[in-house]
Amino acid sequence: MEQVVAVVGGGYGGTLVAKELDAVADVVLIDPREAFVNAAASLRALVRPEWAPNAFFPLRNLLERGRVIRDRAVSVDPAGVTLSSGARVEADYLVLATGSGYPYPAKPRPGATEVARQLDDLRETHQELAGAGRVLIVGGGPVGLELAGEIRDVWPDKDVIVVDRGDHLLPGFLPEVRDGLHRQLADRRIDLRLDTRLSALPPVPPGVAAGFTGTTAAGERIAADIWFRAFGVHLDTGYLTDGRLTPLSDRGAIPVTARLTVEGYDHVYALGDVADLPDPKMASYAMEHAAIVAENIRAQVAGEPPQAVHVPAPDRRILLPLGPHAGVGQLPTPDGPAAATVGEVRRRKGSDLFTARFAAWFDPGD
């Protein structure tokens, strides 16, 4: 009888582990959603609703041999996973890859597990945004800046304001990357206001067109017709708070070893955002973790010791498109990190936001 691998979470890392192990084990992928959501494409899906279906890939198309259970994990112990339906999945190996939550529209609204519902949400918000002349984005990290770039590409006449409490963009990245970002934002007439803290969030829900005036801590008034929240990540590890598997860190992360096993176990793994690692919470890092986990479980299934080890990258990397034709990046080279050209950012990410890559993953005839 084949050994069972239960993968909890169908995001970037979980889907890759499941697909890599599908040929060597009985894989069970657990996720409440109908489809994998390429979150990197969510912001373009908002501004271009006709393009939005490209961000979704049905999980039923991922595995040739394994199965997908549309349910939510409510508890995990060393022997398996208990689901919200009351069902139980016993497994020889467990992979925890539930990722993190982030405000809509960068990720779907909580509870929106059907593709049709998610597309409806995007279309409704698109209509709200289309009628707004002045847009406020609270948060000047990569999500807020990408959203500003996508809005500007579709509606070049809208006023777009980005406020952030920090005093500079992309901390920890090369000065030339930050300088290039400032130049491109200025060229697109995106009004960036750093070292700016709102005294309170706007009095209307995000993503709803309703005129308001916000006030900064310095007393400046900012009028806008709609706003979006681009901050506030939280780890999705609530199903572990019962302590049946492992204590969590102060921030809710899962302690792991260099082989990405959960501390105290050799058959339970954690990867991506939920793993207590110094890596940034980005898809590319989750997929790197997934490759290590898949290699180690493949070895264990074959009766061999796991050898793959995660070594945190010494230099940070990023691809930050500002719409399909612009953006900045930082990439590793043999001589250290280097700024990416606009052409590289467009070719690697900006043109299609990785949709071709994931289409190949989920091709039923693959």
Protein backbone atom coordinates (compact mmCIF):
# COMPACT_ATOMS: atom_id res chain seq x y z
CA MET A 1 0.00 0.00 0.00
CA GLU A 2 1.29 3.43 -0.94
CA GLN A 3 2.24 5.85 1.77
CA VAL A 4 -0.14 8.77 2.24
CA VAL A 5 1.02 12.38 2.06
CA ALA A 6 -1.53 14.91 3.30
CA VAL A 7 -0.84 18.45 2.11
CA VAL A 8 -2.77 21.13 3.98
CA GLY A 9 -3.09 24.22 1.81
CA GLY A 10 -3.39 24.62 -1.95
CA GLY A 11 -1.32 27.75 -2.48
CA TYR A 12 2.02 28.19 -4.21
CA GLY A 13 3.97 25.79 -2.01
CA GLY A 14 1.26 23.23 -1.29
CA THR A 15 0.29 22.70 -4.91
CA LEU A 16 3.92 22.26 -5.95
CA VAL A 17 4.58 19.64 -3.24
CA ALA A 18 1.40 17.79 -4.16
CA LYS A 19 2.23 17.74 -7.86
CA GLU A 20 5.86 16.70 -7.29
CA LEU A 21 4.85 13.75 -5.09
CA ASP A 22 1.81 12.63 -7.08
CA ALA A 23 3.75 9.89 -8.88
CA VAL A 24 5.36 8.35 -5.78
CA ALA A 25 2.72 8.53 -3.04
CA ASP A 26 -0.99 8.68 -2.34
CA VAL A 27 -1.34 12.46 -2.19
CA VAL A 28 -4.29 14.14 -0.50
CA LEU A 29 -4.48 17.90 -0.97
CA ILE A 30 -6.75 19.68 1.50
CA ASP A 31 -8.08 23.16 0.75
CA PRO A 32 -11.56 24.71 0.97
CA ARG A 33 -11.17 26.59 -2.31
CA GLU A 34 -12.36 25.44 -5.69
CA ALA A 35 -9.24 26.72 -7.39
CA PHE A 36 -5.66 27.73 -6.84
CA VAL A 37 -5.49 31.52 -6.92
CA ASN A 38 -2.40 33.08 -8.46
CA ALA A 39 -2.34 35.99 -6.05
CA ALA A 40 0.33 37.71 -8.11
CA ALA A 41 -2.37 38.28 -10.73
CA SER A 42 -5.13 39.48 -8.40
CA LEU A 43 -4.51 43.20 -8.83
CA ARG A 44 -4.57 43.02 -12.62
CA ALA A 45 -7.70 40.89 -12.33
CA LEU A 46 -9.29 43.82 -10.48
CA VAL A 47 -8.52 46.46 -13.08
CA ARG A 48 -9.10 44.16 -16.09
CA PRO A 49 -12.12 41.97 -15.28
CA GLU A 50 -12.12 40.44 -18.76
CA TRP A 51 -8.64 39.08 -17.95
CA ALA A 52 -9.51 37.98 -14.39
CA PRO A 53 -10.24 34.29 -15.14
CA ASN A 54 -6.54 33.89 -15.90
CA ALA A 55 -5.80 34.13 -12.17
CA PHE A 56 -7.71 30.94 -11.27
CA PHE A 57 -6.77 27.30 -11.83
CA PRO A 58 -9.15 24.49 -10.75
CA LEU A 59 -7.51 22.28 -8.15
CA ARG A 60 -9.23 19.23 -9.67
CA ASN A 61 -6.84 19.56 -12.63
CA LEU A 62 -3.65 19.44 -10.55
CA LEU A 63 -3.18 15.75 -9.75
CA GLU A 64 -3.32 12.70 -11.99
CA ARG A 65 -3.39 10.09 -9.21
CA GLY A 66 -4.03 11.90 -5.96
CA ARG A 67 -7.20 13.56 -4.74
CA VAL A 68 -8.32 16.97 -3.56
CA ILE A 69 -10.57 17.37 -0.53
CA ARG A 70 -12.44 20.68 -0.42
CA ASP A 71 -12.52 21.21 3.32
CA ARG A 72 -10.76 23.20 6.02
CA ALA A 73 -8.30 21.79 8.53
CA VAL A 74 -9.36 22.53 12.11
CA SER A 75 -6.70 20.47 13.89
CA VAL A 76 -3.50 18.63 13.05
CA ASP A 77 -1.74 16.01 15.17
CA PRO A 78 1.20 13.71 14.35
CA ALA A 79 -1.09 11.09 12.81
CA GLY A 80 -3.26 13.23 10.56
CA VAL A 81 -5.68 16.06 9.93
CA THR A 82 -9.15 16.70 11.35
CA LEU A 83 -11.45 18.65 9.02
CA SER A 84 -14.25 21.10 9.68
CA SER A 85 -16.74 18.54 8.31
CA GLY A 86 -15.69 16.14 11.05
CA ALA A 87 -13.86 13.90 8.60
CA ARG A 88 -10.37 12.66 9.32
CA VAL A 89 -7.36 12.16 7.03
CA GLU A 90 -4.74 9.78 8.39
CA ALA A 91 -1.33 10.20 6.78
CA ASP A 92 2.23 8.93 6.87
CA TYR A 93 3.56 12.39 6.01
CA LEU A 94 2.06 15.81 6.67
CA VAL A 95 2.87 19.05 4.86
CA LEU A 96 1.57 22.30 6.33
CA ALA A 97 1.37 24.96 3.63
CA THR A 98 -1.59 27.15 4.56
CA GLY A 99 0.17 30.45 3.88
CA SER A 100 -1.14 33.78 5.02
CA GLY A 101 -4.11 36.08 4.66
CA TYR A 102 -4.02 39.58 3.24
CA PRO A 103 -6.68 42.21 2.62
CA TYR A 104 -8.79 41.98 -0.54
CA PRO A 105 -8.21 42.50 -3.46
CA ALA A 106 -4.64 41.22 -3.18
CA LYS A 107 -6.22 37.98 -1.94
CA PRO A 108 -9.85 36.84 -2.10
CA ARG A 109 -12.29 37.87 0.59
CA PRO A 110 -12.53 35.45 3.52
CA GLY A 111 -15.08 32.76 2.80
CA ALA A 112 -15.01 33.31 -0.97
CA THR A 113 -14.04 29.78 -1.99
CA GLU A 114 -15.89 29.52 -5.33
CA VAL A 115 -14.34 31.01 -8.47
CA ALA A 116 -17.67 32.51 -9.54
CA ARG A 117 -17.96 34.36 -6.23
CA GLN A 118 -14.41 35.66 -6.47
CA LEU A 119 -14.94 36.86 -10.04
CA ASP A 120 -18.17 38.58 -8.97
CA ASP A 121 -16.31 40.35 -6.17
CA LEU A 122 -13.66 41.57 -8.60
CA ARG A 123 -16.24 42.80 -11.13
CA GLU A 124 -18.20 44.67 -8.47
CA THR A 125 -15.10 46.34 -7.09
CA HIS A 126 -13.94 47.15 -10.61
CA GLN A 127 -17.17 49.04 -11.22
CA GLU A 128 -16.70 50.96 -7.97
CA LEU A 129 -13.12 51.81 -8.92
CA ALA A 130 -14.01 52.76 -12.49
CA GLY A 131 -16.33 55.50 -11.24
CA ALA A 132 -13.84 56.98 -8.78
CA GLY A 133 -11.69 59.91 -9.80
CA ARG A 134 -9.34 59.96 -6.83
CA VAL A 135 -7.90 56.75 -5.33
CA LEU A 136 -6.15 56.41 -1.97
CA ILE A 137 -3.96 53.38 -1.27
CA VAL A 138 -2.92 52.92 2.34
CA GLY A 139 0.36 51.01 2.37
CA GLY A 140 3.44 51.59 0.23
CA GLY A 141 4.82 48.06 0.16
CA PRO A 142 4.96 45.94 -3.00
CA VAL A 143 1.20 45.27 -2.99
CA GLY A 144 0.23 48.92 -2.68
CA LEU A 145 2.69 49.99 -5.35
CA GLU A 146 1.67 47.24 -7.77
CA LEU A 147 -1.96 48.20 -7.30
CA ALA A 148 -1.11 51.84 -8.03
CA GLY A 149 0.72 50.81 -11.19
CA GLU A 150 -2.12 48.62 -12.43
CA ILE A 151 -4.68 51.38 -11.82
CA ARG A 152 -2.54 53.96 -13.59
CA ASP A 153 -2.06 51.67 -16.60
CA VAL A 154 -5.81 51.27 -17.13
CA TRP A 155 -6.92 54.74 -16.03
CA PRO A 156 -4.11 57.22 -16.72
CA ASP A 157 -6.30 60.18 -15.72
CA LYS A 158 -7.18 59.01 -12.22
CA ASP A 159 -5.45 60.63 -9.26
CA VAL A 160 -3.65 57.89 -7.34
CA ILE A 161 -2.25 58.62 -3.88
CA VAL A 162 -0.14 56.13 -1.92
CA VAL A 163 0.55 56.84 1.76
CA ASP A 164 2.94 54.89 3.95
CA ARG A 165 4.18 55.42 7.47
CA GLY A 166 7.74 54.41 6.51
CA ASP A 167 10.30 56.97 5.42
CA HIS A 168 11.57 55.04 2.38
CA LEU A 169 10.46 52.38 -0.08
CA LEU A 170 11.67 48.77 -0.21
CA PRO A 171 13.92 48.75 2.86
CA GLY A 172 16.74 46.27 2.52
CA PHE A 173 16.99 46.53 -1.27
CA LEU A 174 19.65 48.22 -3.40
CA PRO A 175 19.58 52.03 -3.59
CA GLU A 176 19.41 51.88 -7.38
CA VAL A 177 16.27 49.73 -7.16
CA ARG A 178 14.61 52.25 -4.84
CA ASP A 179 15.75 55.17 -6.99
CA GLY A 180 14.36 53.54 -10.11
CA LEU A 181 11.07 52.92 -8.35
CA HIS A 182 10.79 56.56 -7.31
CA ARG A 183 11.49 57.68 -10.89
CA GLN A 184 8.88 55.38 -12.39
CA LEU A 185 6.24 56.39 -9.84
CA ALA A 186 6.93 60.05 -10.59
CA ASP A 187 6.79 59.42 -14.35
CA ARG A 188 3.34 57.89 -13.86
CA ARG A 189 2.19 60.77 -11.68
CA ILE A 190 1.52 58.49 -8.73
CA ASP A 191 1.44 60.72 -5.65
CA LEU A 192 3.67 58.96 -3.11
CA ARG A 193 3.59 60.31 0.44
CA LEU A 194 6.09 58.64 2.73
CA ASP A 195 6.42 59.16 6.48
CA THR A 196 2.66 59.73 6.47
CA ARG A 197 0.36 58.10 8.99
CA LEU A 198 -3.42 58.47 8.89
CA SER A 199 -4.95 59.44 12.23
CA ALA A 200 -7.65 56.86 11.46
CA LEU A 201 -8.56 54.64 8.54
CA PRO A 202 -11.14 56.14 6.17
CA PRO A 203 -14.74 56.01 7.47
CA VAL A 204 -16.01 54.00 4.48
CA PRO A 205 -15.29 50.35 3.61
CA PRO A 206 -12.31 49.75 1.33
CA GLY A 207 -13.16 49.17 -2.31
CA VAL A 208 -16.43 51.11 -2.13
CA ALA A 209 -16.84 54.39 -4.02
CA ALA A 210 -17.90 56.95 -1.43
CA GLY A 211 -16.24 60.34 -1.10
CA PHE A 212 -14.39 60.99 2.14
CA THR A 213 -11.63 63.09 3.60
CA GLY A 214 -8.95 61.51 5.74
CA THR A 215 -6.59 63.28 8.08
CA THR A 216 -2.94 62.47 8.68
CA ALA A 217 -1.25 62.54 12.06
CA ALA A 218 0.37 65.81 10.95
CA GLY A 219 -3.04 67.38 10.28
CA GLU A 220 -2.98 67.16 6.48
CA ARG A 221 -6.32 66.41 4.86
CA ILE A 222 -6.55 63.92 1.98
CA ALA A 223 -9.74 63.73 -0.06
CA ALA A 224 -10.51 60.64 -2.16
CA ASP A 225 -13.42 58.76 -3.74
CA ILE A 226 -12.29 55.22 -2.91
CA TRP A 227 -9.52 53.57 -0.91
CA PHE A 228 -7.75 50.24 -0.63
CA ARG A 229 -5.88 48.67 2.26
CA ALA A 230 -2.44 47.33 1.32
CA PHE A 231 -1.08 46.17 4.65
CA GLY A 232 -1.91 43.61 7.31
CA VAL A 233 -0.60 40.10 6.61
CA HIS A 234 -1.58 37.36 9.06
CA LEU A 235 -0.44 33.75 9.20
CA ASP A 236 -3.05 31.04 8.66
CA THR A 237 -2.10 28.73 11.52
CA GLY A 238 -5.25 28.90 13.64
CA TYR A 239 -5.81 25.17 13.21
CA LEU A 240 -2.65 24.55 15.28
CA THR A 241 -3.58 26.62 18.32
CA ASP A 242 -4.96 23.56 20.12
CA GLY A 243 -1.34 22.47 20.66
CA ARG A 244 -1.88 18.91 19.45
CA LEU A 245 1.10 19.17 17.10
CA THR A 246 3.52 21.89 18.17
CA PRO A 247 3.70 25.21 20.01
CA LEU A 248 3.70 28.22 17.69
CA SER A 249 6.06 31.17 17.80
CA ASP A 250 4.95 34.50 19.25
CA ARG A 251 3.80 35.58 15.80
CA GLY A 252 2.00 32.32 15.07
CA ALA A 253 4.66 30.68 12.90
CA ILE A 254 5.61 26.99 12.93
CA PRO A 255 9.12 26.13 14.20
CA VAL A 256 11.06 24.11 11.62
CA THR A 257 14.45 22.50 11.18
CA ALA A 258 16.87 23.07 8.32
CA ARG A 259 15.16 20.21 6.44
CA LEU A 260 11.85 22.01 6.94
CA THR A 261 10.47 19.36 9.24
CA VAL A 262 8.43 20.64 12.15
CA GLU A 263 10.64 20.54 15.23
CA GLY A 264 10.28 17.21 17.01
CA TYR A 265 9.10 15.22 13.98
CA ASP A 266 10.72 13.64 10.96
CA HIS A 267 7.49 13.14 8.98
CA VAL A 268 5.76 16.52 9.41
CA TYR A 269 6.86 19.47 7.29
CA ALA A 270 5.98 23.17 7.12
CA LEU A 271 6.81 25.59 4.34
CA GLY A 272 6.12 29.03 2.96
CA ASP A 273 4.68 31.85 5.02
CA VAL A 274 3.75 29.65 8.00
CA ALA A 275 7.30 28.34 8.54
CA ASP A 276 9.31 30.23 11.14
CA LEU A 277 12.05 31.32 8.75
CA PRO A 278 13.67 34.67 7.96
CA ASP A 279 12.63 34.43 4.30
CA PRO A 280 10.26 37.10 2.97
CA LYS A 281 6.60 36.11 2.63
CA MET A 282 6.71 35.75 -1.15
CA ALA A 283 5.61 33.05 -3.58
CA SER A 284 9.08 32.37 -4.93
CA TYR A 285 10.38 31.48 -1.48
CA ALA A 286 7.41 29.20 -0.79
CA MET A 287 8.11 27.34 -4.03
CA GLU A 288 11.78 26.94 -3.08
CA HIS A 289 10.69 25.46 0.25
CA ALA A 290 8.28 23.16 -1.59
CA ALA A 291 11.05 21.74 -3.77
CA ILE A 292 13.07 20.89 -0.64
CA VAL A 293 10.10 19.26 1.09
CA ALA A 294 9.22 17.24 -1.99
CA GLU A 295 12.80 16.02 -2.36
CA ASN A 296 12.98 14.95 1.28
CA ILE A 297 9.64 13.12 1.31
CA ARG A 298 10.48 11.43 -1.99
CA ALA A 299 13.67 10.12 -0.38
CA GLN A 300 11.81 8.92 2.72
CA VAL A 301 9.17 7.13 0.65
CA ALA A 302 12.01 5.32 -1.13
CA GLY A 303 13.50 4.28 2.21
CA GLU A 304 16.38 6.74 2.07
CA PRO A 305 17.36 9.47 4.54
CA PRO A 306 16.26 13.02 3.65
CA GLN A 307 19.19 15.18 2.63
CA ALA A 308 17.80 18.45 1.23
CA VAL A 309 18.44 21.45 3.47
CA HIS A 310 17.10 24.97 3.32
CA VAL A 311 19.74 27.69 3.45
CA PRO A 312 18.27 31.21 3.74
CA ALA A 313 19.34 33.36 0.81
CA PRO A 314 21.88 36.02 1.79
CA ASP A 315 20.34 38.62 -0.51
CA ARG A 316 16.72 39.57 -1.02
CA ARG A 317 15.08 39.45 -4.42
CA ILE A 318 11.94 40.98 -5.85
CA LEU A 319 10.08 41.60 -9.09
CA LEU A 320 7.72 44.54 -8.69
CA PRO A 321 5.78 45.39 -11.86
CA LEU A 322 3.93 48.68 -12.20
CA GLY A 323 1.46 47.40 -14.75
CA PRO A 324 2.45 45.21 -17.72
CA HIS A 325 5.06 47.59 -19.14
CA ALA A 326 7.03 48.95 -16.19
CA GLY A 327 8.49 48.04 -12.83
CA VAL A 328 11.67 47.38 -10.90
CA GLY A 329 13.42 44.32 -9.55
CA GLN A 330 16.41 42.93 -7.73
CA LEU A 331 17.85 39.57 -8.73
CA PRO A 332 20.76 37.44 -7.53
CA THR A 333 23.91 37.15 -9.64
CA PRO A 334 27.24 35.39 -9.04
CA ASP A 335 28.63 38.76 -7.97
CA GLY A 336 25.79 39.62 -5.61
CA PRO A 337 22.38 41.24 -6.01
CA ALA A 338 21.76 43.46 -9.02
CA ALA A 339 18.95 45.72 -10.16
CA ALA A 340 16.78 44.21 -12.88
CA THR A 341 16.00 46.13 -16.03
CA VAL A 342 12.46 47.09 -16.91
CA GLY A 343 12.65 44.54 -19.71
CA GLU A 344 13.61 41.77 -17.29
CA VAL A 345 10.75 42.65 -14.94
CA ARG A 346 8.30 42.67 -17.83
CA ARG A 347 9.58 39.38 -19.26
CA ARG A 348 9.82 37.50 -15.97
CA LYS A 349 6.61 38.71 -14.34
CA GLY A 350 4.92 41.86 -15.56
CA SER A 351 3.69 40.65 -18.93
CA ASP A 352 1.54 37.75 -17.68
CA LEU A 353 2.12 37.58 -13.89
CA PHE A 354 3.19 33.93 -14.11
CA THR A 355 -0.09 32.74 -15.64
CA ALA A 356 1.65 30.67 -18.33
CA ARG A 357 3.69 28.84 -15.69
CA PHE A 358 0.64 27.85 -13.68
CA ALA A 359 -1.39 26.97 -16.75
CA ALA A 360 1.25 24.31 -17.44
CA TRP A 361 0.97 23.01 -13.86
CA PHE A 362 -2.77 22.62 -14.08
CA ASP A 363 -3.08 21.32 -17.63
CA PRO A 364 -5.11 18.09 -17.29
CA GLY A 365 -3.30 16.72 -20.33
CA ASP A 366 0.12 17.56 -18.93
